[in-house]
Amino acid sequence: MAITITEFAKDRIQELMKRTQCEDYFLRIGLKGGGCSGMSYHFDFIKEATDSDKVFNFDLVKICIDKKSYLFLNGMEIDYEETPFKSGIILNVPNVTRTCGCGESVAF
């Protein structure tokens, strides 16, 4: 399996990177312990990926995921949501068994 990204998400992430002057950075996606369901997603812009990261290039958007998180996130689709009430990255992860009501934490 691989990581995929929608065109809409790619466009929005590129805009965000440009607006925050992080155009040459990686978007790091990871998991950390916590939240109602046990784990929560973590996003950050970093200048360089580590040697142990899984790296994915989608045109101008570079994604890196630490190997431990990749075990859970493999096969995910990165999407973006824009509604009148909220906007942001949405991860569609096939391995998720439960999410909390707010969608901020997950269980595998």
PDB file of N, CA and C in Angstrom:
ATOM      1  N   MET A   1       0.840  -1.191   0.000  1.00  0.00           N
ATOM      2  CA  MET A   1       0.000   0.000   0.000  1.00  0.00           C
ATOM      3  C   MET A   1       0.875   1.241   0.000  1.00  0.00           C
ATOM      4  N   ALA A   2       0.258   2.350  -0.292  1.00  0.00           N
ATOM      5  CA  ALA A   2       1.003   3.601  -0.355  1.00  0.00           C
ATOM      6  C   ALA A   2       0.171   4.717   0.271  1.00  0.00           C
ATOM      7  N   ILE A   3       0.753   5.866   0.335  1.00  0.00           N
ATOM      8  CA  ILE A   3       0.063   7.060   0.787  1.00  0.00           C
ATOM      9  C   ILE A   3      -0.404   7.810  -0.453  1.00  0.00           C
ATOM     10  N   THR A   4      -1.641   8.302  -0.445  1.00  0.00           N
ATOM     11  CA  THR A   4      -2.155   9.091  -1.558  1.00  0.00           C
ATOM     12  C   THR A   4      -2.651  10.433  -1.033  1.00  0.00           C
ATOM     13  N   ILE A   5      -2.831  11.376  -1.952  1.00  0.00           N
ATOM     14  CA  ILE A   5      -3.309  12.703  -1.587  1.00  0.00           C
ATOM     15  C   ILE A   5      -4.267  13.176  -2.673  1.00  0.00           C
ATOM     16  N   THR A   6      -5.343  13.829  -2.269  1.00  0.00           N
ATOM     17  CA  THR A   6      -6.274  14.375  -3.258  1.00  0.00           C
ATOM     18  C   THR A   6      -5.688  15.655  -3.835  1.00  0.00           C
ATOM     19  N   GLU A   7      -6.137  16.003  -5.016  1.00  0.00           N
ATOM     20  CA  GLU A   7      -5.675  17.250  -5.648  1.00  0.00           C
ATOM     21  C   GLU A   7      -6.048  18.456  -4.795  1.00  0.00           C
ATOM     22  N   PHE A   8      -7.246  18.426  -4.222  1.00  0.00           N
ATOM     23  CA  PHE A   8      -7.698  19.530  -3.382  1.00  0.00           C
ATOM     24  C   PHE A   8      -6.776  19.704  -2.176  1.00  0.00           C
ATOM     25  N   ALA A   9      -6.427  18.594  -1.529  1.00  0.00           N
ATOM     26  CA  ALA A   9      -5.522  18.653  -0.373  1.00  0.00           C
ATOM     27  C   ALA A   9      -4.150  19.160  -0.796  1.00  0.00           C
ATOM     28  N   LYS A  10      -3.664  18.678  -1.907  1.00  0.00           N
ATOM     29  CA  LYS A  10      -2.353  19.111  -2.386  1.00  0.00           C
ATOM     30  C   LYS A  10      -2.339  20.618  -2.634  1.00  0.00           C
ATOM     31  N   ASP A  11      -3.383  21.134  -3.264  1.00  0.00           N
ATOM     32  CA  ASP A  11      -3.472  22.572  -3.535  1.00  0.00           C
ATOM     33  C   ASP A  11      -3.522  23.380  -2.241  1.00  0.00           C
ATOM     34  N   ARG A  12      -4.334  22.941  -1.293  1.00  0.00           N
ATOM     35  CA  ARG A  12      -4.482  23.681  -0.032  1.00  0.00           C
ATOM     36  C   ARG A  12      -3.197  23.634   0.801  1.00  0.00           C
ATOM     37  N   ILE A  13      -2.533  22.499   0.824  1.00  0.00           N
ATOM     38  CA  ILE A  13      -1.279  22.391   1.574  1.00  0.00           C
ATOM     39  C   ILE A  13      -0.207  23.262   0.936  1.00  0.00           C
ATOM     40  N   GLN A  14      -0.157  23.299  -0.392  1.00  0.00           N
ATOM     41  CA  GLN A  14       0.797  24.180  -1.083  1.00  0.00           C
ATOM     42  C   GLN A  14       0.536  25.645  -0.727  1.00  0.00           C
ATOM     43  N   GLU A  15      -0.733  26.040  -0.696  1.00  0.00           N
ATOM     44  CA  GLU A  15      -1.083  27.406  -0.325  1.00  0.00           C
ATOM     45  C   GLU A  15      -0.648  27.724   1.102  1.00  0.00           C
ATOM     46  N   LEU A  16      -0.894  26.794   2.014  1.00  0.00           N
ATOM     47  CA  LEU A  16      -0.511  26.984   3.411  1.00  0.00           C
ATOM     48  C   LEU A  16       1.002  27.090   3.559  1.00  0.00           C
ATOM     49  N   MET A  17       1.731  26.251   2.856  1.00  0.00           N
ATOM     50  CA  MET A  17       3.186  26.285   2.915  1.00  0.00           C
ATOM     51  C   MET A  17       3.722  27.611   2.373  1.00  0.00           C
ATOM     52  N   LYS A  18       3.102  28.102   1.318  1.00  0.00           N
ATOM     53  CA  LYS A  18       3.535  29.377   0.751  1.00  0.00           C
ATOM     54  C   LYS A  18       3.218  30.523   1.710  1.00  0.00           C
ATOM     55  N   ARG A  19       2.029  30.507   2.273  1.00  0.00           N
ATOM     56  CA  ARG A  19       1.598  31.564   3.188  1.00  0.00           C
ATOM     57  C   ARG A  19       2.454  31.629   4.453  1.00  0.00           C
ATOM     58  N   THR A  20       2.948  30.476   4.916  1.00  0.00           N
ATOM     59  CA  THR A  20       3.768  30.431   6.131  1.00  0.00           C
ATOM     60  C   THR A  20       5.257  30.404   5.826  1.00  0.00           C
ATOM     61  N   GLN A  21       5.608  30.643   4.575  1.00  0.00           N
ATOM     62  CA  GLN A  21       6.998  30.678   4.114  1.00  0.00           C
ATOM     63  C   GLN A  21       7.729  29.363   4.420  1.00  0.00           C
ATOM     64  N   CYS A  22       7.049  28.259   4.174  1.00  0.00           N
ATOM     65  CA  CYS A  22       7.609  26.916   4.372  1.00  0.00           C
ATOM     66  C   CYS A  22       7.593  26.127   3.066  1.00  0.00           C
ATOM     67  N   GLU A  23       7.800  26.805   1.959  1.00  0.00           N
ATOM     68  CA  GLU A  23       7.657  26.174   0.644  1.00  0.00           C
ATOM     69  C   GLU A  23       8.622  25.012   0.412  1.00  0.00           C
ATOM     70  N   ASP A  24       9.804  25.069   0.978  1.00  0.00           N
ATOM     71  CA  ASP A  24      10.787  23.994   0.790  1.00  0.00           C
ATOM     72  C   ASP A  24      10.779  22.980   1.925  1.00  0.00           C
ATOM     73  N   TYR A  25       9.797  23.037   2.788  1.00  0.00           N
ATOM     74  CA  TYR A  25       9.733  22.176   3.959  1.00  0.00           C
ATOM     75  C   TYR A  25       8.976  20.891   3.656  1.00  0.00           C
ATOM     76  N   PHE A  26       9.059  19.970   4.591  1.00  0.00           N
ATOM     77  CA  PHE A  26       8.264  18.749   4.574  1.00  0.00           C
ATOM     78  C   PHE A  26       7.071  18.942   5.502  1.00  0.00           C
ATOM     79  N   LEU A  27       5.957  18.362   5.144  1.00  0.00           N
ATOM     80  CA  LEU A  27       4.845  18.244   6.079  1.00  0.00           C
ATOM     81  C   LEU A  27       5.043  16.914   6.795  1.00  0.00           C
ATOM     82  N   ARG A  28       5.328  16.971   8.091  1.00  0.00           N
ATOM     83  CA  ARG A  28       5.492  15.747   8.877  1.00  0.00           C
ATOM     84  C   ARG A  28       4.134  15.370   9.446  1.00  0.00           C
ATOM     85  N   ILE A  29       3.741  14.134   9.194  1.00  0.00           N
ATOM     86  CA  ILE A  29       2.505  13.580   9.731  1.00  0.00           C
ATOM     87  C   ILE A  29       2.891  12.447  10.663  1.00  0.00           C
ATOM     88  N   GLY A  30       2.335  12.449  11.860  1.00  0.00           N
ATOM     89  CA  GLY A  30       2.655  11.388  12.806  1.00  0.00           C
ATOM     90  C   GLY A  30       1.523  11.134  13.777  1.00  0.00           C
ATOM     91  N   LEU A  31       1.748  10.180  14.632  1.00  0.00           N
ATOM     92  CA  LEU A  31       0.807   9.825  15.687  1.00  0.00           C
ATOM     93  C   LEU A  31       1.485  10.021  17.029  1.00  0.00           C
ATOM     94  N   LYS A  32       0.706  10.430  18.014  1.00  0.00           N
ATOM     95  CA  LYS A  32       1.216  10.491  19.374  1.00  0.00           C
ATOM     96  C   LYS A  32       0.130   9.990  20.304  1.00  0.00           C
ATOM     97  N   GLY A  33       0.536   9.480  21.446  1.00  0.00           N
ATOM     98  CA  GLY A  33      -0.417   8.972  22.421  1.00  0.00           C
ATOM     99  C   GLY A  33      -1.255  10.090  22.991  1.00  0.00           C
ATOM    100  N   GLY A  34      -2.531   9.792  23.239  1.00  0.00           N
ATOM    101  CA  GLY A  34      -3.413  10.776  23.854  1.00  0.00           C
ATOM    102  C   GLY A  34      -4.738  10.877  23.144  1.00  0.00           C
ATOM    103  N   GLY A  35      -5.625  11.645  23.735  1.00  0.00           N
ATOM    104  CA  GLY A  35      -6.952  11.823  23.165  1.00  0.00           C
ATOM    105  C   GLY A  35      -7.922  10.774  23.672  1.00  0.00           C
ATOM    106  N   CYS A  36      -9.177  10.965  23.373  1.00  0.00           N
ATOM    107  CA  CYS A  36     -10.245  10.077  23.856  1.00  0.00           C
ATOM    108  C   CYS A  36     -10.093   8.636  23.383  1.00  0.00           C
ATOM    109  N   SER A  37      -9.585   8.460  22.170  1.00  0.00           N
ATOM    110  CA  SER A  37      -9.512   7.121  21.592  1.00  0.00           C
ATOM    111  C   SER A  37      -8.134   6.481  21.688  1.00  0.00           C
ATOM    112  N   GLY A  38      -7.162   7.196  22.246  1.00  0.00           N
ATOM    113  CA  GLY A  38      -5.855   6.584  22.468  1.00  0.00           C
ATOM    114  C   GLY A  38      -4.693   7.205  21.720  1.00  0.00           C
ATOM    115  N   MET A  39      -4.911   7.667  20.489  1.00  0.00           N
ATOM    116  CA  MET A  39      -3.841   8.290  19.704  1.00  0.00           C
ATOM    117  C   MET A  39      -4.407   9.501  18.981  1.00  0.00           C
ATOM    118  N   SER A  40      -3.540  10.469  18.727  1.00  0.00           N
ATOM    119  CA  SER A  40      -3.973  11.634  17.970  1.00  0.00           C
ATOM    120  C   SER A  40      -2.965  11.928  16.873  1.00  0.00           C
ATOM    121  N   TYR A  41      -3.464  12.557  15.820  1.00  0.00           N
ATOM    122  CA  TYR A  41      -2.610  12.922  14.700  1.00  0.00           C
ATOM    123  C   TYR A  41      -1.795  14.154  15.069  1.00  0.00           C
ATOM    124  N   HIS A  42      -0.596  14.224  14.521  1.00  0.00           N
ATOM    125  CA  HIS A  42       0.289  15.362  14.756  1.00  0.00           C
ATOM    126  C   HIS A  42       0.807  15.839  13.404  1.00  0.00           C
ATOM    127  N   PHE A  43       0.743  17.153  13.168  1.00  0.00           N
ATOM    128  CA  PHE A  43       1.214  17.757  11.921  1.00  0.00           C
ATOM    129  C   PHE A  43       2.239  18.830  12.244  1.00  0.00           C
ATOM    130  N   ASP A  44       3.261  18.937  11.404  1.00  0.00           N
ATOM    131  CA  ASP A  44       4.275  19.967  11.593  1.00  0.00           C
ATOM    132  C   ASP A  44       5.005  20.182  10.273  1.00  0.00           C
ATOM    133  N   PHE A  45       5.502  21.374  10.061  1.00  0.00           N
ATOM    134  CA  PHE A  45       6.384  21.635   8.933  1.00  0.00           C
ATOM    135  C   PHE A  45       7.819  21.555   9.439  1.00  0.00           C
ATOM    136  N   ILE A  46       8.642  20.760   8.771  1.00  0.00           N
ATOM    137  CA  ILE A  46      10.044  20.628   9.164  1.00  0.00           C
ATOM    138  C   ILE A  46      10.930  20.847   7.948  1.00  0.00           C
ATOM    139  N   LYS A  47      12.124  21.332   8.185  1.00  0.00           N
ATOM    140  CA  LYS A  47      13.050  21.662   7.103  1.00  0.00           C
ATOM    141  C   LYS A  47      13.583  20.405   6.414  1.00  0.00           C
ATOM    142  N   GLU A  48      13.940  19.380   7.206  1.00  0.00           N
ATOM    143  CA  GLU A  48      14.510  18.160   6.632  1.00  0.00           C
ATOM    144  C   GLU A  48      13.917  16.922   7.282  1.00  0.00           C
ATOM    145  N   ALA A  49      13.715  15.906   6.477  1.00  0.00           N
ATOM    146  CA  ALA A  49      13.273  14.608   6.998  1.00  0.00           C
ATOM    147  C   ALA A  49      14.493  13.885   7.578  1.00  0.00           C
ATOM    148  N   THR A  50      14.241  12.949   8.482  1.00  0.00           N
ATOM    149  CA  THR A  50      15.334  12.151   9.027  1.00  0.00           C
ATOM    150  C   THR A  50      15.589  10.952   8.117  1.00  0.00           C
ATOM    151  N   ASP A  51      16.716  10.306   8.307  1.00  0.00           N
ATOM    152  CA  ASP A  51      17.055   9.131   7.499  1.00  0.00           C
ATOM    153  C   ASP A  51      16.063   7.990   7.680  1.00  0.00           C
ATOM    154  N   SER A  52      15.420   7.938   8.836  1.00  0.00           N
ATOM    155  CA  SER A  52      14.505   6.828   9.100  1.00  0.00           C
ATOM    156  C   SER A  52      13.058   7.135   8.697  1.00  0.00           C
ATOM    157  N   ASP A  53      12.785   8.342   8.199  1.00  0.00           N
ATOM    158  CA  ASP A  53      11.433   8.701   7.778  1.00  0.00           C
ATOM    159  C   ASP A  53      11.068   8.065   6.444  1.00  0.00           C
ATOM    160  N   LYS A  54       9.795   7.784   6.282  1.00  0.00           N
ATOM    161  CA  LYS A  54       9.242   7.434   4.975  1.00  0.00           C
ATOM    162  C   LYS A  54       8.891   8.758   4.293  1.00  0.00           C
ATOM    163  N   VAL A  55       9.380   8.957   3.080  1.00  0.00           N
ATOM    164  CA  VAL A  55       9.198  10.229   2.379  1.00  0.00           C
ATOM    165  C   VAL A  55       8.371  10.007   1.120  1.00  0.00           C
ATOM    166  N   PHE A  56       7.426  10.924   0.898  1.00  0.00           N
ATOM    167  CA  PHE A  56       6.553  10.873  -0.269  1.00  0.00           C
ATOM    168  C   PHE A  56       6.560  12.248  -0.915  1.00  0.00           C
ATOM    169  N   ASN A  57       6.704  12.282  -2.222  1.00  0.00           N
ATOM    170  CA  ASN A  57       6.699  13.539  -2.972  1.00  0.00           C
ATOM    171  C   ASN A  57       5.466  13.591  -3.859  1.00  0.00           C
ATOM    172  N   PHE A  58       4.687  14.641  -3.675  1.00  0.00           N
ATOM    173  CA  PHE A  58       3.502  14.882  -4.486  1.00  0.00           C
ATOM    174  C   PHE A  58       3.675  16.264  -5.113  1.00  0.00           C
ATOM    175  N   ASP A  59       4.382  16.311  -6.213  1.00  0.00           N
ATOM    176  CA  ASP A  59       4.737  17.577  -6.867  1.00  0.00           C
ATOM    177  C   ASP A  59       5.488  18.455  -5.870  1.00  0.00           C
ATOM    178  N   LEU A  60       4.916  19.592  -5.486  1.00  0.00           N
ATOM    179  CA  LEU A  60       5.618  20.497  -4.565  1.00  0.00           C
ATOM    180  C   LEU A  60       5.380  20.170  -3.097  1.00  0.00           C
ATOM    181  N   VAL A  61       4.498  19.233  -2.816  1.00  0.00           N
ATOM    182  CA  VAL A  61       4.216  18.850  -1.434  1.00  0.00           C
ATOM    183  C   VAL A  61       5.040  17.615  -1.086  1.00  0.00           C
ATOM    184  N   LYS A  62       5.901  17.784  -0.076  1.00  0.00           N
ATOM    185  CA  LYS A  62       6.725  16.674   0.405  1.00  0.00           C
ATOM    186  C   LYS A  62       6.203  16.265   1.780  1.00  0.00           C
ATOM    187  N   ILE A  63       5.889  14.987   1.914  1.00  0.00           N
ATOM    188  CA  ILE A  63       5.349  14.446   3.160  1.00  0.00           C
ATOM    189  C   ILE A  63       6.384  13.508   3.760  1.00  0.00           C
ATOM    190  N   CYS A  64       6.570  13.570   5.076  1.00  0.00           N
ATOM    191  CA  CYS A  64       7.403  12.570   5.744  1.00  0.00           C
ATOM    192  C   CYS A  64       6.647  12.040   6.955  1.00  0.00           C
ATOM    193  N   ILE A  65       6.859  10.759   7.208  1.00  0.00           N
ATOM    194  CA  ILE A  65       6.189  10.054   8.302  1.00  0.00           C
ATOM    195  C   ILE A  65       7.228   9.197   8.998  1.00  0.00           C
ATOM    196  N   ASP A  66       7.299   9.304  10.324  1.00  0.00           N
ATOM    197  CA  ASP A  66       8.242   8.447  11.039  1.00  0.00           C
ATOM    198  C   ASP A  66       7.805   6.996  10.881  1.00  0.00           C
ATOM    199  N   LYS A  67       8.766   6.079  10.968  1.00  0.00           N
ATOM    200  CA  LYS A  67       8.480   4.669  10.658  1.00  0.00           C
ATOM    201  C   LYS A  67       7.440   4.048  11.581  1.00  0.00           C
ATOM    202  N   LYS A  68       7.443   4.421  12.849  1.00  0.00           N
ATOM    203  CA  LYS A  68       6.464   3.851  13.779  1.00  0.00           C
ATOM    204  C   LYS A  68       5.046   4.284  13.395  1.00  0.00           C
ATOM    205  N   SER A  69       4.866   5.559  13.102  1.00  0.00           N
ATOM    206  CA  SER A  69       3.545   6.048  12.678  1.00  0.00           C
ATOM    207  C   SER A  69       3.134   5.436  11.346  1.00  0.00           C
ATOM    208  N   TYR A  70       4.109   5.237  10.460  1.00  0.00           N
ATOM    209  CA  TYR A  70       3.812   4.676   9.140  1.00  0.00           C
ATOM    210  C   TYR A  70       3.202   3.280   9.240  1.00  0.00           C
ATOM    211  N   LEU A  71       3.581   2.525  10.256  1.00  0.00           N
ATOM    212  CA  LEU A  71       2.986   1.196  10.443  1.00  0.00           C
ATOM    213  C   LEU A  71       1.469   1.281  10.559  1.00  0.00           C
ATOM    214  N   PHE A  72       0.972   2.362  11.167  1.00  0.00           N
ATOM    215  CA  PHE A  72      -0.463   2.551  11.334  1.00  0.00           C
ATOM    216  C   PHE A  72      -1.092   3.332  10.175  1.00  0.00           C
ATOM    217  N   LEU A  73      -0.333   4.234   9.563  1.00  0.00           N
ATOM    218  CA  LEU A  73      -0.881   5.142   8.554  1.00  0.00           C
ATOM    219  C   LEU A  73      -0.743   4.640   7.125  1.00  0.00           C
ATOM    220  N   ASN A  74      -0.048   3.548   6.925  1.00  0.00           N
ATOM    221  CA  ASN A  74       0.137   2.991   5.587  1.00  0.00           C
ATOM    222  C   ASN A  74      -1.230   2.768   4.934  1.00  0.00           C
ATOM    223  N   GLY A  75      -1.376   3.249   3.715  1.00  0.00           N
ATOM    224  CA  GLY A  75      -2.630   3.103   2.985  1.00  0.00           C
ATOM    225  C   GLY A  75      -3.563   4.292   3.114  1.00  0.00           C
ATOM    226  N   MET A  76      -3.170   5.304   3.868  1.00  0.00           N
ATOM    227  CA  MET A  76      -4.066   6.441   4.083  1.00  0.00           C
ATOM    228  C   MET A  76      -4.161   7.339   2.861  1.00  0.00           C
ATOM    229  N   GLU A  77      -5.279   8.055   2.802  1.00  0.00           N
ATOM    230  CA  GLU A  77      -5.480   9.103   1.813  1.00  0.00           C
ATOM    231  C   GLU A  77      -5.511  10.425   2.573  1.00  0.00           C
ATOM    232  N   ILE A  78      -4.723  11.381   2.115  1.00  0.00           N
ATOM    233  CA  ILE A  78      -4.706  12.711   2.708  1.00  0.00           C
ATOM    234  C   ILE A  78      -5.704  13.565   1.935  1.00  0.00           C
ATOM    235  N   ASP A  79      -6.650  14.132   2.653  1.00  0.00           N
ATOM    236  CA  ASP A  79      -7.668  14.969   2.030  1.00  0.00           C
ATOM    237  C   ASP A  79      -7.720  16.291   2.789  1.00  0.00           C
ATOM    238  N   TYR A  80      -8.547  17.191   2.337  1.00  0.00           N
ATOM    239  CA  TYR A  80      -8.695  18.493   2.975  1.00  0.00           C
ATOM    240  C   TYR A  80     -10.165  18.831   3.024  1.00  0.00           C
ATOM    241  N   GLU A  81     -10.606  19.390   4.150  1.00  0.00           N
ATOM    242  CA  GLU A  81     -12.009  19.736   4.331  1.00  0.00           C
ATOM    243  C   GLU A  81     -12.138  21.251   4.499  1.00  0.00           C
ATOM    244  N   GLU A  82     -13.095  21.828   3.796  1.00  0.00           N
ATOM    245  CA  GLU A  82     -13.420  23.243   3.974  1.00  0.00           C
ATOM    246  C   GLU A  82     -14.924  23.374   4.105  1.00  0.00           C
ATOM    247  N   THR A  83     -15.352  23.765   5.289  1.00  0.00           N
ATOM    248  CA  THR A  83     -16.766  23.999   5.537  1.00  0.00           C
ATOM    249  C   THR A  83     -16.903  25.394   6.152  1.00  0.00           C
ATOM    250  N   PRO A  84     -18.109  25.888   6.295  1.00  0.00           N
ATOM    251  CA  PRO A  84     -18.267  27.185   6.960  1.00  0.00           C
ATOM    252  C   PRO A  84     -17.794  27.166   8.424  1.00  0.00           C
ATOM    253  N   PHE A  85     -17.696  25.985   9.025  1.00  0.00           N
ATOM    254  CA  PHE A  85     -17.361  25.903  10.439  1.00  0.00           C
ATOM    255  C   PHE A  85     -15.925  25.497  10.727  1.00  0.00           C
ATOM    256  N   LYS A  86     -15.273  24.791   9.793  1.00  0.00           N
ATOM    257  CA  LYS A  86     -13.887  24.393  10.022  1.00  0.00           C
ATOM    258  C   LYS A  86     -13.221  24.030   8.710  1.00  0.00           C
ATOM    259  N   SER A  87     -11.907  24.041   8.744  1.00  0.00           N
ATOM    260  CA  SER A  87     -11.146  23.598   7.584  1.00  0.00           C
ATOM    261  C   SER A  87      -9.854  22.977   8.081  1.00  0.00           C
ATOM    262  N   GLY A  88      -9.346  22.020   7.316  1.00  0.00           N
ATOM    263  CA  GLY A  88      -8.096  21.386   7.686  1.00  0.00           C
ATOM    264  C   GLY A  88      -7.895  20.049   7.014  1.00  0.00           C
ATOM    265  N   ILE A  89      -6.750  19.479   7.294  1.00  0.00           N
ATOM    266  CA  ILE A  89      -6.365  18.187   6.722  1.00  0.00           C
ATOM    267  C   ILE A  89      -7.213  17.081   7.342  1.00  0.00           C
ATOM    268  N   ILE A  90      -7.660  16.195   6.496  1.00  0.00           N
ATOM    269  CA  ILE A  90      -8.411  15.005   6.908  1.00  0.00           C
ATOM    270  C   ILE A  90      -7.600  13.792   6.471  1.00  0.00           C
ATOM    271  N   LEU A  91      -7.367  12.868   7.378  1.00  0.00           N
ATOM    272  CA  LEU A  91      -6.671  11.629   7.039  1.00  0.00           C
ATOM    273  C   LEU A  91      -7.684  10.489   7.013  1.00  0.00           C
ATOM    274  N   ASN A  92      -7.813   9.859   5.864  1.00  0.00           N
ATOM    275  CA  ASN A  92      -8.670   8.681   5.718  1.00  0.00           C
ATOM    276  C   ASN A  92      -7.765   7.459   5.821  1.00  0.00           C
ATOM    277  N   VAL A  93      -7.759   6.860   7.013  1.00  0.00           N
ATOM    278  CA  VAL A  93      -6.841   5.764   7.318  1.00  0.00           C
ATOM    279  C   VAL A  93      -7.637   4.463   7.425  1.00  0.00           C
ATOM    280  N   PRO A  94      -7.336   3.477   6.575  1.00  0.00           N
ATOM    281  CA  PRO A  94      -8.124   2.238   6.579  1.00  0.00           C
ATOM    282  C   PRO A  94      -7.988   1.411   7.855  1.00  0.00           C
ATOM    283  N   ASN A  95      -6.901   1.575   8.591  1.00  0.00           N
ATOM    284  CA  ASN A  95      -6.664   0.756   9.785  1.00  0.00           C
ATOM    285  C   ASN A  95      -7.359   1.266  11.037  1.00  0.00           C
ATOM    286  N   VAL A  96      -8.007   2.419  10.988  1.00  0.00           N
ATOM    287  CA  VAL A  96      -8.660   2.996  12.161  1.00  0.00           C
ATOM    288  C   VAL A  96      -9.865   2.149  12.546  1.00  0.00           C
ATOM    289  N   THR A  97      -9.952   1.812  13.831  1.00  0.00           N
ATOM    290  CA  THR A  97     -11.084   1.018  14.320  1.00  0.00           C
ATOM    291  C   THR A  97     -12.096   1.871  15.064  1.00  0.00           C
ATOM    292  N   ARG A  98     -11.669   3.056  15.560  1.00  0.00           N
ATOM    293  CA  ARG A  98     -12.570   3.914  16.327  1.00  0.00           C
ATOM    294  C   ARG A  98     -12.046   5.347  16.297  1.00  0.00           C
ATOM    295  N   THR A  99     -12.964   6.303  16.248  1.00  0.00           N
ATOM    296  CA  THR A  99     -12.594   7.712  16.363  1.00  0.00           C
ATOM    297  C   THR A  99     -13.449   8.342  17.452  1.00  0.00           C
ATOM    298  N   CYS A 100     -12.979   9.445  17.995  1.00  0.00           N
ATOM    299  CA  CYS A 100     -13.780  10.158  18.983  1.00  0.00           C
ATOM    300  C   CYS A 100     -14.763  11.062  18.253  1.00  0.00           C
ATOM    301  N   GLY A 101     -15.668  11.651  18.965  1.00  0.00           N
ATOM    302  CA  GLY A 101     -16.694  12.489  18.367  1.00  0.00           C
ATOM    303  C   GLY A 101     -16.154  13.693  17.628  1.00  0.00           C
ATOM    304  N   CYS A 102     -15.071  14.265  18.113  1.00  0.00           N
ATOM    305  CA  CYS A 102     -14.513  15.460  17.468  1.00  0.00           C
ATOM    306  C   CYS A 102     -13.601  15.107  16.300  1.00  0.00           C
ATOM    307  N   GLY A 103     -13.229  13.837  16.151  1.00  0.00           N
ATOM    308  CA  GLY A 103     -12.395  13.415  15.044  1.00  0.00           C
ATOM    309  C   GLY A 103     -10.912  13.674  15.243  1.00  0.00           C
ATOM    310  N   GLU A 104     -10.523  14.091  16.442  1.00  0.00           N
ATOM    311  CA  GLU A 104      -9.129  14.422  16.701  1.00  0.00           C
ATOM    312  C   GLU A 104      -8.310  13.241  17.196  1.00  0.00           C
ATOM    313  N   SER A 105      -8.953  12.200  17.674  1.00  0.00           N
ATOM    314  CA  SER A 105      -8.178  11.046  18.124  1.00  0.00           C
ATOM    315  C   SER A 105      -8.750   9.766  17.545  1.00  0.00           C
ATOM    316  N   VAL A 106      -7.869   8.752  17.455  1.00  0.00           N
ATOM    317  CA  VAL A 106      -8.219   7.509  16.795  1.00  0.00           C
ATOM    318  C   VAL A 106      -7.672   6.313  17.576  1.00  0.00           C
ATOM    319  N   ALA A 107      -8.201   5.159  17.260  1.00  0.00           N
ATOM    320  CA  ALA A 107      -7.696   3.894  17.797  1.00  0.00           C
ATOM    321  C   ALA A 107      -7.462   2.952  16.629  1.00  0.00           C
ATOM    322  N   PHE A 108      -6.479   2.068  16.814  1.00  0.00           N
ATOM    323  CA  PHE A 108      -6.138   1.099  15.772  1.00  0.00           C
ATOM    324  C   PHE A 108      -6.292  -0.304  16.294  1.00  0.00           C
TER     325      PHE A 108
END
